[in-house]
Amino acid sequence: MTIEGLIGRVRDFLRDDAGLVTLEWVALAAAVIVLAIGVIIVIQSQLNSAASTVGSALVSTVNSNS
């Protein structure tokens, strides 16, 4: 391989933006995951409370119909 061929390959590599697009999608996916985890952390206690209330109501309904 000649120096000119190597320089041409490096130039082609630097002009290609497919790697940059992939990096942007990875960053976007990571941001969505972090946001989802943050939302889960914020609403976890309220969700547990609501699930407990619904569960208690179901149990009392089932027990009162028995």
PDB file of N, CA and C in Angstrom:
ATOM      1  N   MET A   1       0.854  -1.165   0.000  1.00  0.00           N
ATOM      2  CA  MET A   1       0.000   0.000   0.000  1.00  0.00           C
ATOM      3  C   MET A   1       0.906   1.236   0.000  1.00  0.00           C
ATOM      4  N   THR A   2       0.548   2.162  -0.811  1.00  0.00           N
ATOM      5  CA  THR A   2       1.342   3.379  -0.919  1.00  0.00           C
ATOM      6  C   THR A   2       0.841   4.419   0.069  1.00  0.00           C
ATOM      7  N   ILE A   3       1.615   5.431   0.266  1.00  0.00           N
ATOM      8  CA  ILE A   3       1.235   6.537   1.154  1.00  0.00           C
ATOM      9  C   ILE A   3      -0.001   7.242   0.616  1.00  0.00           C
ATOM     10  N   GLU A   4      -0.063   7.414  -0.719  1.00  0.00           N
ATOM     11  CA  GLU A   4      -1.233   8.074  -1.312  1.00  0.00           C
ATOM     12  C   GLU A   4      -2.499   7.265  -1.076  1.00  0.00           C
ATOM     13  N   GLY A   5      -2.386   5.934  -1.182  1.00  0.00           N
ATOM     14  CA  GLY A   5      -3.542   5.069  -0.933  1.00  0.00           C
ATOM     15  C   GLY A   5      -3.996   5.141   0.511  1.00  0.00           C
ATOM     16  N   LEU A   6      -3.018   5.175   1.418  1.00  0.00           N
ATOM     17  CA  LEU A   6      -3.341   5.270   2.828  1.00  0.00           C
ATOM     18  C   LEU A   6      -4.000   6.608   3.154  1.00  0.00           C
ATOM     19  N   ILE A   7      -3.477   7.675   2.592  1.00  0.00           N
ATOM     20  CA  ILE A   7      -4.062   9.007   2.800  1.00  0.00           C
ATOM     21  C   ILE A   7      -5.479   9.058   2.232  1.00  0.00           C
ATOM     22  N   GLY A   8      -5.688   8.440   1.083  1.00  0.00           N
ATOM     23  CA  GLY A   8      -7.024   8.397   0.480  1.00  0.00           C
ATOM     24  C   GLY A   8      -8.007   7.640   1.350  1.00  0.00           C
ATOM     25  N   ARG A   9      -7.561   6.533   1.935  1.00  0.00           N
ATOM     26  CA  ARG A   9      -8.453   5.755   2.807  1.00  0.00           C
ATOM     27  C   ARG A   9      -8.791   6.531   4.084  1.00  0.00           C
ATOM     28  N   VAL A  10      -7.794   7.224   4.638  1.00  0.00           N
ATOM     29  CA  VAL A  10      -8.048   8.036   5.827  1.00  0.00           C
ATOM     30  C   VAL A  10      -9.011   9.169   5.495  1.00  0.00           C
ATOM     31  N   ARG A  11      -8.835   9.792   4.342  1.00  0.00           N
ATOM     32  CA  ARG A  11      -9.713  10.880   3.914  1.00  0.00           C
ATOM     33  C   ARG A  11     -11.148  10.365   3.740  1.00  0.00           C
ATOM     34  N   ASP A  12     -11.310   9.194   3.123  1.00  0.00           N
ATOM     35  CA  ASP A  12     -12.639   8.608   2.949  1.00  0.00           C
ATOM     36  C   ASP A  12     -13.282   8.291   4.306  1.00  0.00           C
ATOM     37  N   PHE A  13     -12.465   7.792   5.229  1.00  0.00           N
ATOM     38  CA  PHE A  13     -12.976   7.470   6.557  1.00  0.00           C
ATOM     39  C   PHE A  13     -13.467   8.728   7.275  1.00  0.00           C
ATOM     40  N   LEU A  14     -12.721   9.795   7.173  1.00  0.00           N
ATOM     41  CA  LEU A  14     -13.101  11.032   7.847  1.00  0.00           C
ATOM     42  C   LEU A  14     -14.329  11.684   7.221  1.00  0.00           C
ATOM     43  N   ARG A  15     -14.545  11.470   5.951  1.00  0.00           N
ATOM     44  CA  ARG A  15     -15.719  12.044   5.273  1.00  0.00           C
ATOM     45  C   ARG A  15     -16.988  11.246   5.530  1.00  0.00           C
ATOM     46  N   ASP A  16     -16.845   9.969   5.871  1.00  0.00           N
ATOM     47  CA  ASP A  16     -18.008   9.112   6.100  1.00  0.00           C
ATOM     48  C   ASP A  16     -18.633   9.471   7.444  1.00  0.00           C
ATOM     49  N   ASP A  17     -19.949   9.750   7.460  1.00  0.00           N
ATOM     50  CA  ASP A  17     -20.606  10.154   8.698  1.00  0.00           C
ATOM     51  C   ASP A  17     -21.503   9.063   9.276  1.00  0.00           C
ATOM     52  N   ALA A  18     -21.408   7.838   8.794  1.00  0.00           N
ATOM     53  CA  ALA A  18     -22.255   6.760   9.304  1.00  0.00           C
ATOM     54  C   ALA A  18     -21.952   6.489  10.775  1.00  0.00           C
ATOM     55  N   GLY A  19     -20.710   6.561  11.180  1.00  0.00           N
ATOM     56  CA  GLY A  19     -20.357   6.352  12.580  1.00  0.00           C
ATOM     57  C   GLY A  19     -20.939   7.424  13.471  1.00  0.00           C
ATOM     58  N   LEU A  20     -20.979   8.645  12.989  1.00  0.00           N
ATOM     59  CA  LEU A  20     -21.536   9.753  13.767  1.00  0.00           C
ATOM     60  C   LEU A  20     -23.037   9.574  13.974  1.00  0.00           C
ATOM     61  N   VAL A  21     -23.725   9.127  12.944  1.00  0.00           N
ATOM     62  CA  VAL A  21     -25.169   8.904  13.061  1.00  0.00           C
ATOM     63  C   VAL A  21     -25.436   7.800  14.076  1.00  0.00           C
ATOM     64  N   THR A  22     -24.642   6.749  14.048  1.00  0.00           N
ATOM     65  CA  THR A  22     -24.792   5.664  15.019  1.00  0.00           C
ATOM     66  C   THR A  22     -24.561   6.180  16.432  1.00  0.00           C
ATOM     67  N   LEU A  23     -23.550   6.994  16.605  1.00  0.00           N
ATOM     68  CA  LEU A  23     -23.260   7.566  17.917  1.00  0.00           C
ATOM     69  C   LEU A  23     -24.414   8.435  18.400  1.00  0.00           C
ATOM     70  N   GLU A  24     -25.027   9.190  17.512  1.00  0.00           N
ATOM     71  CA  GLU A  24     -26.169  10.022  17.898  1.00  0.00           C
ATOM     72  C   GLU A  24     -27.344   9.168  18.354  1.00  0.00           C
ATOM     73  N   TRP A  25     -27.615   8.056  17.654  1.00  0.00           N
ATOM     74  CA  TRP A  25     -28.714   7.173  18.053  1.00  0.00           C
ATOM     75  C   TRP A  25     -28.427   6.511  19.391  1.00  0.00           C
ATOM     76  N   VAL A  26     -27.178   6.145  19.629  1.00  0.00           N
ATOM     77  CA  VAL A  26     -26.813   5.545  20.911  1.00  0.00           C
ATOM     78  C   VAL A  26     -27.011   6.564  22.032  1.00  0.00           C
ATOM     79  N   ALA A  27     -26.597   7.803  21.808  1.00  0.00           N
ATOM     80  CA  ALA A  27     -26.775   8.848  22.814  1.00  0.00           C
ATOM     81  C   ALA A  27     -28.255   9.110  23.068  1.00  0.00           C
ATOM     82  N   LEU A  28     -29.065   9.112  22.028  1.00  0.00           N
ATOM     83  CA  LEU A  28     -30.504   9.320  22.185  1.00  0.00           C
ATOM     84  C   LEU A  28     -31.139   8.175  22.971  1.00  0.00           C
ATOM     85  N   ALA A  29     -30.756   6.955  22.654  1.00  0.00           N
ATOM     86  CA  ALA A  29     -31.287   5.801  23.390  1.00  0.00           C
ATOM     87  C   ALA A  29     -30.882   5.853  24.857  1.00  0.00           C
ATOM     88  N   ALA A  30     -29.644   6.235  25.135  1.00  0.00           N
ATOM     89  CA  ALA A  30     -29.185   6.343  26.519  1.00  0.00           C
ATOM     90  C   ALA A  30     -29.975   7.418  27.260  1.00  0.00           C
ATOM     91  N   ALA A  31     -30.259   8.530  26.606  1.00  0.00           N
ATOM     92  CA  ALA A  31     -31.033   9.600  27.235  1.00  0.00           C
ATOM     93  C   ALA A  31     -32.448   9.131  27.556  1.00  0.00           C
ATOM     94  N   VAL A  32     -33.064   8.387  26.668  1.00  0.00           N
ATOM     95  CA  VAL A  32     -34.417   7.871  26.908  1.00  0.00           C
ATOM     96  C   VAL A  32     -34.410   6.904  28.084  1.00  0.00           C
ATOM     97  N   ILE A  33     -33.402   6.055  28.167  1.00  0.00           N
ATOM     98  CA  ILE A  33     -33.319   5.093  29.270  1.00  0.00           C
ATOM     99  C   ILE A  33     -33.131   5.819  30.599  1.00  0.00           C
ATOM    100  N   VAL A  34     -32.255   6.800  30.632  1.00  0.00           N
ATOM    101  CA  VAL A  34     -32.030   7.564  31.858  1.00  0.00           C
ATOM    102  C   VAL A  34     -33.307   8.299  32.268  1.00  0.00           C
ATOM    103  N   LEU A  35     -34.005   8.877  31.311  1.00  0.00           N
ATOM    104  CA  LEU A  35     -35.256   9.562  31.608  1.00  0.00           C
ATOM    105  C   LEU A  35     -36.300   8.591  32.156  1.00  0.00           C
ATOM    106  N   ALA A  36     -36.409   7.416  31.569  1.00  0.00           N
ATOM    107  CA  ALA A  36     -37.374   6.425  32.036  1.00  0.00           C
ATOM    108  C   ALA A  36     -37.060   5.986  33.461  1.00  0.00           C
ATOM    109  N   ILE A  37     -35.782   5.766  33.758  1.00  0.00           N
ATOM    110  CA  ILE A  37     -35.395   5.384  35.112  1.00  0.00           C
ATOM    111  C   ILE A  37     -35.727   6.508  36.094  1.00  0.00           C
ATOM    112  N   GLY A  38     -35.482   7.746  35.695  1.00  0.00           N
ATOM    113  CA  GLY A  38     -35.816   8.879  36.554  1.00  0.00           C
ATOM    114  C   GLY A  38     -37.297   8.966  36.839  1.00  0.00           C
ATOM    115  N   VAL A  39     -38.125   8.757  35.830  1.00  0.00           N
ATOM    116  CA  VAL A  39     -39.575   8.799  36.020  1.00  0.00           C
ATOM    117  C   VAL A  39     -40.020   7.671  36.948  1.00  0.00           C
ATOM    118  N   ILE A  40     -39.457   6.492  36.779  1.00  0.00           N
ATOM    119  CA  ILE A  40     -39.818   5.361  37.638  1.00  0.00           C
ATOM    120  C   ILE A  40     -39.458   5.662  39.084  1.00  0.00           C
ATOM    121  N   ILE A  41     -38.287   6.244  39.309  1.00  0.00           N
ATOM    122  CA  ILE A  41     -37.868   6.573  40.674  1.00  0.00           C
ATOM    123  C   ILE A  41     -38.819   7.593  41.295  1.00  0.00           C
ATOM    124  N   VAL A  42     -39.236   8.581  40.503  1.00  0.00           N
ATOM    125  CA  VAL A  42     -40.115   9.636  41.035  1.00  0.00           C
ATOM    126  C   VAL A  42     -41.504   9.105  41.366  1.00  0.00           C
ATOM    127  N   ILE A  43     -42.079   8.250  40.536  1.00  0.00           N
ATOM    128  CA  ILE A  43     -43.465   7.816  40.756  1.00  0.00           C
ATOM    129  C   ILE A  43     -43.581   6.482  41.475  1.00  0.00           C
ATOM    130  N   GLN A  44     -42.459   5.880  41.873  1.00  0.00           N
ATOM    131  CA  GLN A  44     -42.509   4.552  42.474  1.00  0.00           C
ATOM    132  C   GLN A  44     -43.332   4.508  43.746  1.00  0.00           C
ATOM    133  N   SER A  45     -43.168   5.451  44.651  1.00  0.00           N
ATOM    134  CA  SER A  45     -43.911   5.399  45.915  1.00  0.00           C
ATOM    135  C   SER A  45     -45.410   5.599  45.691  1.00  0.00           C
ATOM    136  N   GLN A  46     -45.779   6.524  44.806  1.00  0.00           N
ATOM    137  CA  GLN A  46     -47.199   6.731  44.528  1.00  0.00           C
ATOM    138  C   GLN A  46     -47.808   5.498  43.854  1.00  0.00           C
ATOM    139  N   LEU A  47     -47.027   4.865  42.996  1.00  0.00           N
ATOM    140  CA  LEU A  47     -47.513   3.677  42.304  1.00  0.00           C
ATOM    141  C   LEU A  47     -47.706   2.518  43.286  1.00  0.00           C
ATOM    142  N   ASN A  48     -46.774   2.360  44.209  1.00  0.00           N
ATOM    143  CA  ASN A  48     -46.917   1.309  45.216  1.00  0.00           C
ATOM    144  C   ASN A  48     -48.134   1.564  46.099  1.00  0.00           C
ATOM    145  N   SER A  49     -48.363   2.815  46.465  1.00  0.00           N
ATOM    146  CA  SER A  49     -49.516   3.163  47.285  1.00  0.00           C
ATOM    147  C   SER A  49     -50.822   2.870  46.543  1.00  0.00           C
ATOM    148  N   ALA A  50     -50.886   3.252  45.277  1.00  0.00           N
ATOM    149  CA  ALA A  50     -52.093   3.004  44.481  1.00  0.00           C
ATOM    150  C   ALA A  50     -52.335   1.507  44.308  1.00  0.00           C
ATOM    151  N   ALA A  51     -51.282   0.745  44.067  1.00  0.00           N
ATOM    152  CA  ALA A  51     -51.437  -0.703  43.907  1.00  0.00           C
ATOM    153  C   ALA A  51     -51.905  -1.342  45.203  1.00  0.00           C
ATOM    154  N   SER A  52     -51.403  -0.861  46.328  1.00  0.00           N
ATOM    155  CA  SER A  52     -51.834  -1.387  47.626  1.00  0.00           C
ATOM    156  C   SER A  52     -53.305  -1.079  47.884  1.00  0.00           C
ATOM    157  N   THR A  53     -53.726   0.123  47.532  1.00  0.00           N
ATOM    158  CA  THR A  53     -55.130   0.508  47.710  1.00  0.00           C
ATOM    159  C   THR A  53     -56.049  -0.349  46.851  1.00  0.00           C
ATOM    160  N   VAL A  54     -55.675  -0.540  45.603  1.00  0.00           N
ATOM    161  CA  VAL A  54     -56.485  -1.367  44.706  1.00  0.00           C
ATOM    162  C   VAL A  54     -56.514  -2.809  45.196  1.00  0.00           C
ATOM    163  N   GLY A  55     -55.374  -3.319  45.633  1.00  0.00           N
ATOM    164  CA  GLY A  55     -55.324  -4.689  46.146  1.00  0.00           C
ATOM    165  C   GLY A  55     -56.189  -4.871  47.375  1.00  0.00           C
ATOM    166  N   SER A  56     -56.151  -3.908  48.281  1.00  0.00           N
ATOM    167  CA  SER A  56     -56.984  -3.981  49.488  1.00  0.00           C
ATOM    168  C   SER A  56     -58.465  -3.935  49.132  1.00  0.00           C
ATOM    169  N   ALA A  57     -58.827  -3.082  48.187  1.00  0.00           N
ATOM    170  CA  ALA A  57     -60.231  -2.993  47.761  1.00  0.00           C
ATOM    171  C   ALA A  57     -60.687  -4.303  47.128  1.00  0.00           C
ATOM    172  N   LEU A  58     -59.833  -4.919  46.340  1.00  0.00           N
ATOM    173  CA  LEU A  58     -60.197  -6.202  45.722  1.00  0.00           C
ATOM    174  C   LEU A  58     -60.371  -7.293  46.773  1.00  0.00           C
ATOM    175  N   VAL A  59     -59.465  -7.352  47.718  1.00  0.00           N
ATOM    176  CA  VAL A  59     -59.555  -8.366  48.767  1.00  0.00           C
ATOM    177  C   VAL A  59     -60.815  -8.159  49.596  1.00  0.00           C
ATOM    178  N   SER A  60     -61.129  -6.935  49.963  1.00  0.00           N
ATOM    179  CA  SER A  60     -62.332  -6.694  50.767  1.00  0.00           C
ATOM    180  C   SER A  60     -63.593  -7.013  49.978  1.00  0.00           C
ATOM    181  N   THR A  61     -63.588  -6.727  48.670  1.00  0.00           N
ATOM    182  CA  THR A  61     -64.739  -7.063  47.831  1.00  0.00           C
ATOM    183  C   THR A  61     -64.929  -8.559  47.728  1.00  0.00           C
ATOM    184  N   VAL A  62     -63.845  -9.285  47.528  1.00  0.00           N
ATOM    185  CA  VAL A  62     -63.931 -10.739  47.431  1.00  0.00           C
ATOM    186  C   VAL A  62     -64.386 -11.331  48.761  1.00  0.00           C
ATOM    187  N   ASN A  63     -63.858 -10.827  49.864  1.00  0.00           N
ATOM    188  CA  ASN A  63     -64.237 -11.349  51.177  1.00  0.00           C
ATOM    189  C   ASN A  63     -65.679 -11.024  51.538  1.00  0.00           C
ATOM    190  N   SER A  64     -66.199  -9.891  51.097  1.00  0.00           N
ATOM    191  CA  SER A  64     -67.575  -9.524  51.437  1.00  0.00           C
ATOM    192  C   SER A  64     -68.576 -10.311  50.603  1.00  0.00           C
ATOM    193  N   ASN A  65     -68.144 -10.820  49.434  1.00  0.00           N
ATOM    194  CA  ASN A  65     -69.048 -11.604  48.590  1.00  0.00           C
ATOM    195  C   ASN A  65     -69.008 -13.083  48.929  1.00  0.00           C
ATOM    196  N   SER A  66     -68.133 -13.484  49.826  1.00  0.00           N
ATOM    197  CA  SER A  66     -68.021 -14.908  50.156  1.00  0.00           C
ATOM    198  C   SER A  66     -69.032 -15.336  51.178  1.00  0.00           C
TER     199      SER A  66
END
